[in-house]
């Protein structure tokens, strides 16, 4: 298909901003909105225009990757930190003899539970 001058002007406008309405394109190139619609439909049918898409700038990609890596690092750090705290707490708890502290309490609970069973 041979592109005419109007086709080239429309493509030039769309390359810079593919979100413009037919009326806005028409105003930029000096033709009617109906002409723009006719030409764009023809260009789409001939597969000269196949897609309208956005392109994410390198800075947005960079911000995403830095944020993603930071999130993973934060998650790993939180996991390792929590594991270390639990490990250290486990060491301290294993050194304490809880029988004198909880022994009498546990014995009282057991005796109370047994006496309740006997009375029922």
N, C-alpha and C. Protein backbone atom coordinates (compact mmCIF):
# COMPACT_ATOMS: atom_id res chain seq x y z
N UNK A 1 0.84 -1.18 0.00
CA UNK A 1 0.00 0.00 0.00
C UNK A 1 0.88 1.24 0.00
N UNK A 2 0.54 2.18 -0.80
CA UNK A 2 1.28 3.44 -0.89
C UNK A 2 0.67 4.45 0.07
N UNK A 3 1.52 5.03 0.93
CA UNK A 3 1.05 6.03 1.88
C UNK A 3 1.00 7.39 1.22
N UNK A 4 -0.12 8.10 1.41
CA UNK A 4 -0.20 9.46 0.89
C UNK A 4 0.24 10.45 1.97
N UNK A 5 0.20 11.70 1.66
CA UNK A 5 0.68 12.74 2.57
C UNK A 5 -0.14 12.77 3.87
N UNK A 6 -1.45 12.59 3.76
CA UNK A 6 -2.31 12.59 4.95
C UNK A 6 -1.98 11.41 5.85
N UNK A 7 -1.76 10.23 5.26
CA UNK A 7 -1.37 9.05 6.04
C UNK A 7 -0.09 9.32 6.82
N UNK A 8 0.89 9.91 6.14
CA UNK A 8 2.16 10.19 6.80
C UNK A 8 2.00 11.19 7.95
N UNK A 9 1.20 12.22 7.72
CA UNK A 9 0.96 13.21 8.77
C UNK A 9 0.27 12.57 9.98
N UNK A 10 -0.73 11.73 9.72
CA UNK A 10 -1.44 11.05 10.81
C UNK A 10 -0.48 10.15 11.58
N UNK A 11 0.32 9.39 10.87
CA UNK A 11 1.28 8.50 11.54
C UNK A 11 2.28 9.29 12.37
N UNK A 12 2.73 10.42 11.84
CA UNK A 12 3.67 11.26 12.57
C UNK A 12 3.06 11.77 13.88
N UNK A 13 1.78 12.15 13.84
CA UNK A 13 1.10 12.61 15.06
C UNK A 13 0.93 11.45 16.03
N UNK A 14 0.52 10.27 15.51
CA UNK A 14 0.28 9.12 16.38
C UNK A 14 1.55 8.59 17.03
N UNK A 15 2.67 8.72 16.35
CA UNK A 15 3.94 8.26 16.93
C UNK A 15 4.25 9.06 18.19
N UNK A 16 3.93 10.34 18.18
CA UNK A 16 4.20 11.19 19.34
C UNK A 16 3.16 11.03 20.44
N UNK A 17 1.90 10.74 20.07
CA UNK A 17 0.84 10.57 21.07
C UNK A 17 -0.28 9.75 20.45
N UNK A 18 -0.34 8.48 20.77
CA UNK A 18 -1.35 7.60 20.17
C UNK A 18 -2.69 7.69 20.87
N UNK A 19 -2.83 8.54 21.88
CA UNK A 19 -4.09 8.66 22.61
C UNK A 19 -4.96 9.81 22.12
N UNK A 20 -4.51 10.53 21.14
CA UNK A 20 -5.28 11.67 20.66
C UNK A 20 -6.56 11.21 19.98
N UNK A 21 -7.61 11.99 20.13
CA UNK A 21 -8.88 11.73 19.46
C UNK A 21 -8.76 12.13 17.99
N UNK A 22 -9.67 11.61 17.18
CA UNK A 22 -9.66 11.94 15.74
C UNK A 22 -9.73 13.45 15.54
N UNK A 23 -10.56 14.13 16.33
CA UNK A 23 -10.72 15.58 16.20
C UNK A 23 -9.40 16.30 16.49
N UNK A 24 -8.66 15.84 17.50
CA UNK A 24 -7.39 16.48 17.85
C UNK A 24 -6.36 16.26 16.74
N UNK A 25 -6.33 15.06 16.18
CA UNK A 25 -5.40 14.78 15.08
C UNK A 25 -5.76 15.64 13.87
N UNK A 26 -7.06 15.71 13.60
CA UNK A 26 -7.53 16.50 12.46
C UNK A 26 -7.11 17.96 12.59
N UNK A 27 -7.22 18.50 13.80
CA UNK A 27 -6.85 19.90 14.03
C UNK A 27 -5.35 20.10 13.80
N UNK A 28 -4.53 19.12 14.23
CA UNK A 28 -3.08 19.25 14.09
C UNK A 28 -2.64 19.20 12.62
N UNK A 29 -3.32 18.40 11.80
CA UNK A 29 -2.85 18.25 10.41
C UNK A 29 -3.72 18.99 9.39
N UNK A 30 -4.79 19.64 9.86
CA UNK A 30 -5.59 20.50 9.00
C UNK A 30 -6.57 19.78 8.09
N UNK A 31 -7.17 18.70 8.56
CA UNK A 31 -8.21 18.00 7.80
C UNK A 31 -9.39 17.75 8.74
N UNK A 32 -10.46 17.16 8.21
CA UNK A 32 -11.63 16.89 9.04
C UNK A 32 -11.43 15.63 9.87
N UNK A 33 -12.21 15.51 10.94
CA UNK A 33 -12.15 14.32 11.80
C UNK A 33 -12.58 13.08 11.02
N UNK A 34 -13.54 13.25 10.10
CA UNK A 34 -14.00 12.11 9.28
C UNK A 34 -12.87 11.61 8.39
N UNK A 35 -12.06 12.53 7.87
CA UNK A 35 -10.92 12.13 7.04
C UNK A 35 -9.91 11.35 7.86
N UNK A 36 -9.64 11.83 9.05
CA UNK A 36 -8.70 11.14 9.93
C UNK A 36 -9.22 9.74 10.25
N UNK A 37 -10.50 9.64 10.59
CA UNK A 37 -11.09 8.33 10.90
C UNK A 37 -10.98 7.39 9.70
N UNK A 38 -11.27 7.88 8.52
CA UNK A 38 -11.18 7.06 7.31
C UNK A 38 -9.74 6.56 7.09
N UNK A 39 -8.78 7.46 7.22
CA UNK A 39 -7.38 7.09 7.00
C UNK A 39 -6.88 6.11 8.07
N UNK A 40 -7.22 6.35 9.34
CA UNK A 40 -6.78 5.45 10.41
C UNK A 40 -7.41 4.06 10.22
N UNK A 41 -8.68 4.01 9.88
CA UNK A 41 -9.32 2.71 9.63
C UNK A 41 -8.63 1.97 8.48
N UNK A 42 -8.27 2.71 7.43
CA UNK A 42 -7.57 2.12 6.29
C UNK A 42 -6.18 1.61 6.71
N UNK A 43 -5.47 2.41 7.53
CA UNK A 43 -4.13 2.01 7.99
C UNK A 43 -4.21 0.79 8.91
N UNK A 44 -5.24 0.71 9.73
CA UNK A 44 -5.43 -0.46 10.59
C UNK A 44 -5.77 -1.70 9.75
N UNK A 45 -6.63 -1.53 8.76
CA UNK A 45 -7.03 -2.66 7.91
C UNK A 45 -5.84 -3.20 7.14
N UNK A 46 -4.95 -2.32 6.72
CA UNK A 46 -3.76 -2.72 5.96
C UNK A 46 -2.61 -3.15 6.88
N UNK A 47 -2.86 -3.17 8.18
CA UNK A 47 -1.87 -3.59 9.20
C UNK A 47 -0.65 -2.66 9.26
N UNK A 48 -0.82 -1.43 8.82
CA UNK A 48 0.25 -0.45 9.00
C UNK A 48 0.22 0.04 10.45
N UNK A 49 -0.99 0.22 10.98
CA UNK A 49 -1.18 0.46 12.40
C UNK A 49 -1.72 -0.85 12.96
N UNK A 50 -0.93 -1.46 13.85
CA UNK A 50 -1.37 -2.73 14.43
C UNK A 50 -1.71 -2.60 15.90
N UNK A 51 -1.00 -1.76 16.62
CA UNK A 51 -1.20 -1.66 18.06
C UNK A 51 -1.05 -0.22 18.51
N UNK A 52 -1.75 0.09 19.57
CA UNK A 52 -1.57 1.35 20.29
C UNK A 52 -1.08 0.94 21.67
N UNK A 53 0.06 1.41 22.09
CA UNK A 53 0.60 0.97 23.37
C UNK A 53 1.41 2.09 24.01
N UNK A 54 1.72 1.88 25.27
CA UNK A 54 2.58 2.82 25.98
C UNK A 54 3.94 2.18 26.16
N UNK A 55 4.92 3.00 26.38
CA UNK A 55 6.26 2.52 26.67
C UNK A 55 6.68 3.13 27.99
N UNK A 56 7.04 2.26 28.92
CA UNK A 56 7.44 2.73 30.24
C UNK A 56 8.88 3.22 30.16
N UNK A 57 9.10 4.42 30.66
CA UNK A 57 10.44 4.99 30.62
C UNK A 57 11.41 4.23 31.50
N UNK A 58 12.67 4.37 31.22
CA UNK A 58 13.71 3.66 31.96
C UNK A 58 13.69 4.03 33.44
N UNK A 59 13.34 5.26 33.76
CA UNK A 59 13.33 5.66 35.16
C UNK A 59 12.23 4.93 35.93
N UNK A 60 11.08 4.70 35.30
CA UNK A 60 10.01 3.97 35.98
C UNK A 60 10.41 2.51 36.19
N UNK A 61 11.05 1.93 35.19
CA UNK A 61 11.54 0.55 35.34
C UNK A 61 12.56 0.47 36.47
N UNK A 62 13.44 1.45 36.51
CA UNK A 62 14.50 1.47 37.53
C UNK A 62 13.88 1.60 38.92
N UNK A 63 12.89 2.50 39.07
CA UNK A 63 12.23 2.66 40.37
C UNK A 63 11.53 1.37 40.78
N UNK A 64 10.89 0.69 39.82
CA UNK A 64 10.22 -0.57 40.14
C UNK A 64 11.23 -1.61 40.62
N UNK A 65 12.32 -1.77 39.89
CA UNK A 65 13.31 -2.78 40.26
C UNK A 65 13.95 -2.48 41.60
N UNK A 66 14.25 -1.22 41.86
CA UNK A 66 14.84 -0.85 43.15
C UNK A 66 13.83 -1.12 44.27
N UNK A 67 12.58 -0.77 44.07
CA UNK A 67 11.56 -1.03 45.07
C UNK A 67 11.35 -2.51 45.31
N UNK A 68 11.34 -3.27 44.22
CA UNK A 68 11.16 -4.72 44.32
C UNK A 68 12.32 -5.36 45.09
N UNK A 69 13.55 -4.99 44.72
CA UNK A 69 14.72 -5.54 45.40
C UNK A 69 14.74 -5.12 46.86
N UNK A 70 14.36 -3.89 47.14
CA UNK A 70 14.30 -3.43 48.52
C UNK A 70 13.26 -4.20 49.32
N UNK A 71 12.12 -4.48 48.69
CA UNK A 71 11.07 -5.26 49.37
C UNK A 71 11.53 -6.67 49.68
N UNK A 72 12.21 -7.29 48.73
CA UNK A 72 12.73 -8.64 48.98
C UNK A 72 13.79 -8.60 50.07
N UNK A 73 14.67 -7.62 50.02
CA UNK A 73 15.70 -7.48 51.05
C UNK A 73 15.08 -7.26 52.42
N UNK A 74 14.06 -6.42 52.48
CA UNK A 74 13.38 -6.16 53.75
C UNK A 74 12.74 -7.44 54.26
N UNK A 75 12.09 -8.20 53.37
CA UNK A 75 11.44 -9.44 53.77
C UNK A 75 12.43 -10.48 54.28
N UNK A 76 13.55 -10.60 53.59
CA UNK A 76 14.59 -11.55 54.03
C UNK A 76 15.17 -11.11 55.37
N UNK A 77 15.43 -9.82 55.50
CA UNK A 77 15.97 -9.30 56.75
C UNK A 77 15.01 -9.51 57.91
N UNK A 78 13.73 -9.27 57.66
CA UNK A 78 12.73 -9.48 58.71
C UNK A 78 12.66 -10.95 59.11
N UNK A 79 12.70 -11.84 58.13
CA UNK A 79 12.65 -13.27 58.40
C UNK A 79 13.86 -13.72 59.20
N UNK A 80 15.04 -13.32 58.77
CA UNK A 80 16.26 -13.71 59.50
C UNK A 80 16.31 -13.09 60.89
N UNK A 81 15.89 -11.85 60.99
CA UNK A 81 15.88 -11.18 62.30
C UNK A 81 14.92 -11.87 63.26
N UNK A 82 13.75 -12.23 62.77
CA UNK A 82 12.79 -12.93 63.62
C UNK A 82 13.32 -14.28 64.04
N UNK A 83 13.92 -15.00 63.12
CA UNK A 83 14.49 -16.31 63.45
C UNK A 83 15.58 -16.18 64.50
N UNK A 84 16.42 -15.15 64.39
CA UNK A 84 17.49 -14.94 65.36
C UNK A 84 16.92 -14.62 66.74
N UNK A 85 15.89 -13.80 66.79
CA UNK A 85 15.27 -13.45 68.08
C UNK A 85 14.65 -14.69 68.72
N UNK A 86 13.96 -15.51 67.93
CA UNK A 86 13.35 -16.73 68.46
C UNK A 86 14.43 -17.69 68.95
N UNK A 87 15.51 -17.80 68.21
CA UNK A 87 16.61 -18.69 68.61
C UNK A 87 17.22 -18.23 69.94
N UNK A 88 17.50 -16.94 70.04
CA UNK A 88 18.10 -16.40 71.27
C UNK A 88 17.13 -16.55 72.45
N UNK A 89 15.85 -16.28 72.21
CA UNK A 89 14.86 -16.45 73.28
C UNK A 89 14.80 -17.92 73.71
N UNK A 90 14.90 -18.83 72.74
CA UNK A 90 14.91 -20.26 73.06
C UNK A 90 16.08 -20.65 73.93
N UNK A 91 17.23 -20.08 73.67
CA UNK A 91 18.43 -20.37 74.48
C UNK A 91 18.20 -19.90 75.92
N UNK A 92 17.69 -18.68 76.09
CA UNK A 92 17.46 -18.16 77.43
C UNK A 92 16.38 -18.96 78.18
N UNK A 93 15.33 -19.32 77.48
CA UNK A 93 14.24 -20.06 78.11
C UNK A 93 14.72 -21.45 78.53
N UNK A 94 15.58 -22.05 77.72
CA UNK A 94 16.07 -23.39 78.07
C UNK A 94 16.98 -23.37 79.30
N UNK A 95 17.53 -22.21 79.64
CA UNK A 95 18.41 -22.09 80.80
C UNK A 95 17.63 -21.89 82.10
N UNK A 96 16.36 -21.53 82.02
CA UNK A 96 15.56 -21.23 83.21
C UNK A 96 14.82 -22.50 83.63
N UNK A 97 14.82 -22.76 84.92
CA UNK A 97 14.10 -23.91 85.47
C UNK A 97 12.70 -23.44 85.86
N UNK A 98 11.70 -23.82 85.08
CA UNK A 98 10.34 -23.35 85.30
C UNK A 98 9.55 -24.22 86.28
N UNK A 99 10.10 -25.35 86.69
CA UNK A 99 9.35 -26.24 87.58
C UNK A 99 9.00 -25.55 88.88
N UNK A 100 9.93 -24.85 89.55
CA UNK A 100 9.53 -24.18 90.79
C UNK A 100 8.47 -23.10 90.55
N UNK A 101 8.53 -22.43 89.40
CA UNK A 101 7.59 -21.35 89.13
C UNK A 101 6.22 -21.91 88.78
N UNK A 102 6.19 -22.82 87.84
CA UNK A 102 4.92 -23.34 87.36
C UNK A 102 4.53 -24.66 88.01
N UNK A 103 5.46 -25.27 88.72
CA UNK A 103 5.18 -26.59 89.31
C UNK A 103 4.01 -26.57 90.27
N UNK A 104 4.00 -25.65 91.23
CA UNK A 104 2.93 -25.58 92.21
C UNK A 104 1.63 -25.19 91.53
N UNK A 105 1.69 -24.25 90.58
CA UNK A 105 0.50 -23.82 89.85
C UNK A 105 -0.09 -24.99 89.07
N UNK A 106 0.77 -25.73 88.36
CA UNK A 106 0.29 -26.88 87.58
C UNK A 106 -0.30 -27.95 88.50
N UNK A 107 0.33 -28.18 89.65
CA UNK A 107 -0.18 -29.18 90.60
C UNK A 107 -1.54 -28.75 91.13
N UNK A 108 -1.71 -27.47 91.43
CA UNK A 108 -3.00 -26.97 91.92
C UNK A 108 -4.08 -27.12 90.85
N UNK A 109 -3.74 -26.84 89.58
CA UNK A 109 -4.70 -26.99 88.48
C UNK A 109 -5.11 -28.45 88.34
N UNK A 110 -4.15 -29.35 88.39
CA UNK A 110 -4.44 -30.78 88.24
C UNK A 110 -5.31 -31.25 89.40
N UNK A 111 -4.96 -30.88 90.63
CA UNK A 111 -5.77 -31.28 91.79
C UNK A 111 -7.18 -30.75 91.70
N UNK A 112 -7.31 -29.50 91.27
CA UNK A 112 -8.63 -28.89 91.14
C UNK A 112 -9.45 -29.62 90.07
N UNK A 113 -8.81 -29.93 88.95
CA UNK A 113 -9.52 -30.63 87.87
C UNK A 113 -9.95 -32.03 88.33
N UNK A 114 -9.08 -32.72 89.08
CA UNK A 114 -9.41 -34.07 89.56
C UNK A 114 -10.54 -34.02 90.58
N UNK A 115 -10.52 -33.03 91.45
CA UNK A 115 -11.59 -32.95 92.44
C UNK A 115 -12.93 -32.62 91.79
N UNK A 116 -12.90 -31.83 90.72
CA UNK A 116 -14.12 -31.54 90.00
C UNK A 116 -14.66 -32.78 89.30
N UNK A 117 -13.79 -33.63 88.80
CA UNK A 117 -14.22 -34.85 88.15
C UNK A 117 -14.83 -35.83 89.15
N UNK A 118 -14.25 -35.88 90.35
CA UNK A 118 -14.72 -36.80 91.37
C UNK A 118 -16.10 -36.37 91.88
N UNK A 119 -16.32 -35.06 92.01
CA UNK A 119 -17.61 -34.58 92.55
C UNK A 119 -18.74 -34.69 91.56
N UNK A 120 -18.49 -34.82 90.33
CA UNK A 120 -19.54 -34.90 89.31
C UNK A 120 -19.97 -36.26 89.22
